[in-house]
Amino acid sequence: MPIKVGEEYLCKICGNKVKVLEAGGGVLVCCGVPMKLVEGS
């Protein structure tokens, strides 16, 4: 799944949330696991 500017991602372990300001390749990871896209962001 491509990462797009404006999307928000949530860590299911610690609750950290990030908002994408500049798109790039790869996977967002926190606490050793991929972060989940927040639907409707």
N, C-alpha and C. Protein backbone atom coordinates (compact mmCIF):
# COMPACT_ATOMS: atom_id res chain seq x y z
N MET A 1 0.85 -1.17 0.00
CA MET A 1 0.00 0.00 0.00
C MET A 1 0.90 1.24 0.00
N PRO A 2 0.73 2.14 -0.96
CA PRO A 2 1.56 3.34 -1.00
C PRO A 2 1.20 4.29 0.14
N ILE A 3 2.21 4.98 0.65
CA ILE A 3 2.00 5.99 1.69
C ILE A 3 1.75 7.32 1.00
N LYS A 4 0.71 8.04 1.45
CA LYS A 4 0.32 9.30 0.83
C LYS A 4 0.34 10.43 1.85
N VAL A 5 0.64 11.65 1.38
CA VAL A 5 0.65 12.83 2.24
C VAL A 5 -0.72 12.99 2.88
N GLY A 6 -0.73 13.26 4.19
CA GLY A 6 -1.98 13.49 4.91
C GLY A 6 -2.51 12.27 5.64
N GLU A 7 -2.03 11.09 5.29
CA GLU A 7 -2.49 9.88 5.97
C GLU A 7 -1.97 9.86 7.41
N GLU A 8 -2.71 9.19 8.29
CA GLU A 8 -2.30 9.02 9.67
C GLU A 8 -2.15 7.53 9.96
N TYR A 9 -1.10 7.21 10.71
CA TYR A 9 -0.81 5.83 11.07
C TYR A 9 -0.72 5.73 12.59
N LEU A 10 -1.18 4.59 13.14
CA LEU A 10 -1.24 4.38 14.57
C LEU A 10 -0.48 3.11 14.95
N CYS A 11 0.29 3.20 16.05
CA CYS A 11 0.95 2.02 16.60
C CYS A 11 -0.03 1.35 17.56
N LYS A 12 -0.35 0.09 17.31
CA LYS A 12 -1.31 -0.64 18.14
C LYS A 12 -0.71 -1.02 19.49
N ILE A 13 0.61 -0.91 19.64
CA ILE A 13 1.25 -1.30 20.90
C ILE A 13 1.33 -0.12 21.87
N CYS A 14 1.91 1.00 21.43
CA CYS A 14 2.14 2.12 22.35
C CYS A 14 1.21 3.31 22.11
N GLY A 15 0.49 3.33 21.00
CA GLY A 15 -0.44 4.41 20.74
C GLY A 15 0.14 5.61 20.00
N ASN A 16 1.43 5.55 19.63
CA ASN A 16 2.00 6.64 18.85
C ASN A 16 1.24 6.81 17.56
N LYS A 17 1.04 8.07 17.15
CA LYS A 17 0.35 8.35 15.89
C LYS A 17 1.24 9.27 15.08
N VAL A 18 1.35 9.01 13.78
CA VAL A 18 2.13 9.87 12.89
C VAL A 18 1.25 10.31 11.73
N LYS A 19 1.49 11.53 11.26
CA LYS A 19 0.81 12.05 10.08
C LYS A 19 1.88 12.27 9.02
N VAL A 20 1.63 11.77 7.82
CA VAL A 20 2.60 11.83 6.74
C VAL A 20 2.65 13.25 6.17
N LEU A 21 3.85 13.86 6.22
CA LEU A 21 4.05 15.19 5.68
C LEU A 21 4.74 15.14 4.33
N GLU A 22 5.53 14.09 4.12
CA GLU A 22 6.25 13.91 2.86
C GLU A 22 6.24 12.42 2.53
N ALA A 23 5.66 12.06 1.40
CA ALA A 23 5.53 10.65 1.03
C ALA A 23 6.86 10.06 0.60
N GLY A 24 7.02 8.79 0.86
CA GLY A 24 8.21 8.06 0.45
C GLY A 24 7.90 6.58 0.41
N GLY A 25 8.89 5.79 0.10
CA GLY A 25 8.68 4.35 0.04
C GLY A 25 8.91 3.72 1.39
N GLY A 26 8.59 2.46 1.50
CA GLY A 26 8.85 1.72 2.72
C GLY A 26 7.62 1.53 3.57
N VAL A 27 7.87 1.06 4.80
CA VAL A 27 6.80 0.75 5.74
C VAL A 27 7.09 1.52 7.03
N LEU A 28 6.06 2.14 7.60
CA LEU A 28 6.22 2.81 8.88
C LEU A 28 6.18 1.75 9.98
N VAL A 29 7.19 1.77 10.87
CA VAL A 29 7.32 0.76 11.92
C VAL A 29 7.50 1.46 13.26
N CYS A 30 6.82 0.94 14.28
CA CYS A 30 6.97 1.43 15.65
C CYS A 30 6.89 0.20 16.56
N CYS A 31 7.69 0.17 17.61
CA CYS A 31 7.71 -0.96 18.55
C CYS A 31 7.98 -2.29 17.84
N GLY A 32 8.69 -2.24 16.71
CA GLY A 32 9.07 -3.45 15.99
C GLY A 32 7.99 -4.04 15.09
N VAL A 33 6.84 -3.36 14.97
CA VAL A 33 5.76 -3.88 14.11
C VAL A 33 5.28 -2.77 13.18
N PRO A 34 4.76 -3.13 12.00
CA PRO A 34 4.23 -2.12 11.07
C PRO A 34 3.07 -1.36 11.69
N MET A 35 3.03 -0.06 11.45
CA MET A 35 1.92 0.77 11.94
C MET A 35 0.71 0.58 11.05
N LYS A 36 -0.48 0.81 11.62
CA LYS A 36 -1.74 0.62 10.89
C LYS A 36 -2.29 1.96 10.43
N LEU A 37 -2.78 2.00 9.20
CA LEU A 37 -3.40 3.19 8.64
C LEU A 37 -4.69 3.47 9.40
N VAL A 38 -4.88 4.73 9.82
CA VAL A 38 -6.12 5.16 10.47
C VAL A 38 -7.12 5.46 9.36
N GLU A 39 -8.20 4.70 9.29
CA GLU A 39 -9.19 4.88 8.23
C GLU A 39 -9.84 6.25 8.35
N GLY A 40 -10.07 6.86 7.19
CA GLY A 40 -10.71 8.17 7.14
C GLY A 40 -9.76 9.33 7.35
N SER A 41 -8.44 9.04 7.35
CA SER A 41 -7.46 10.13 7.54
C SER A 41 -7.13 10.81 6.23
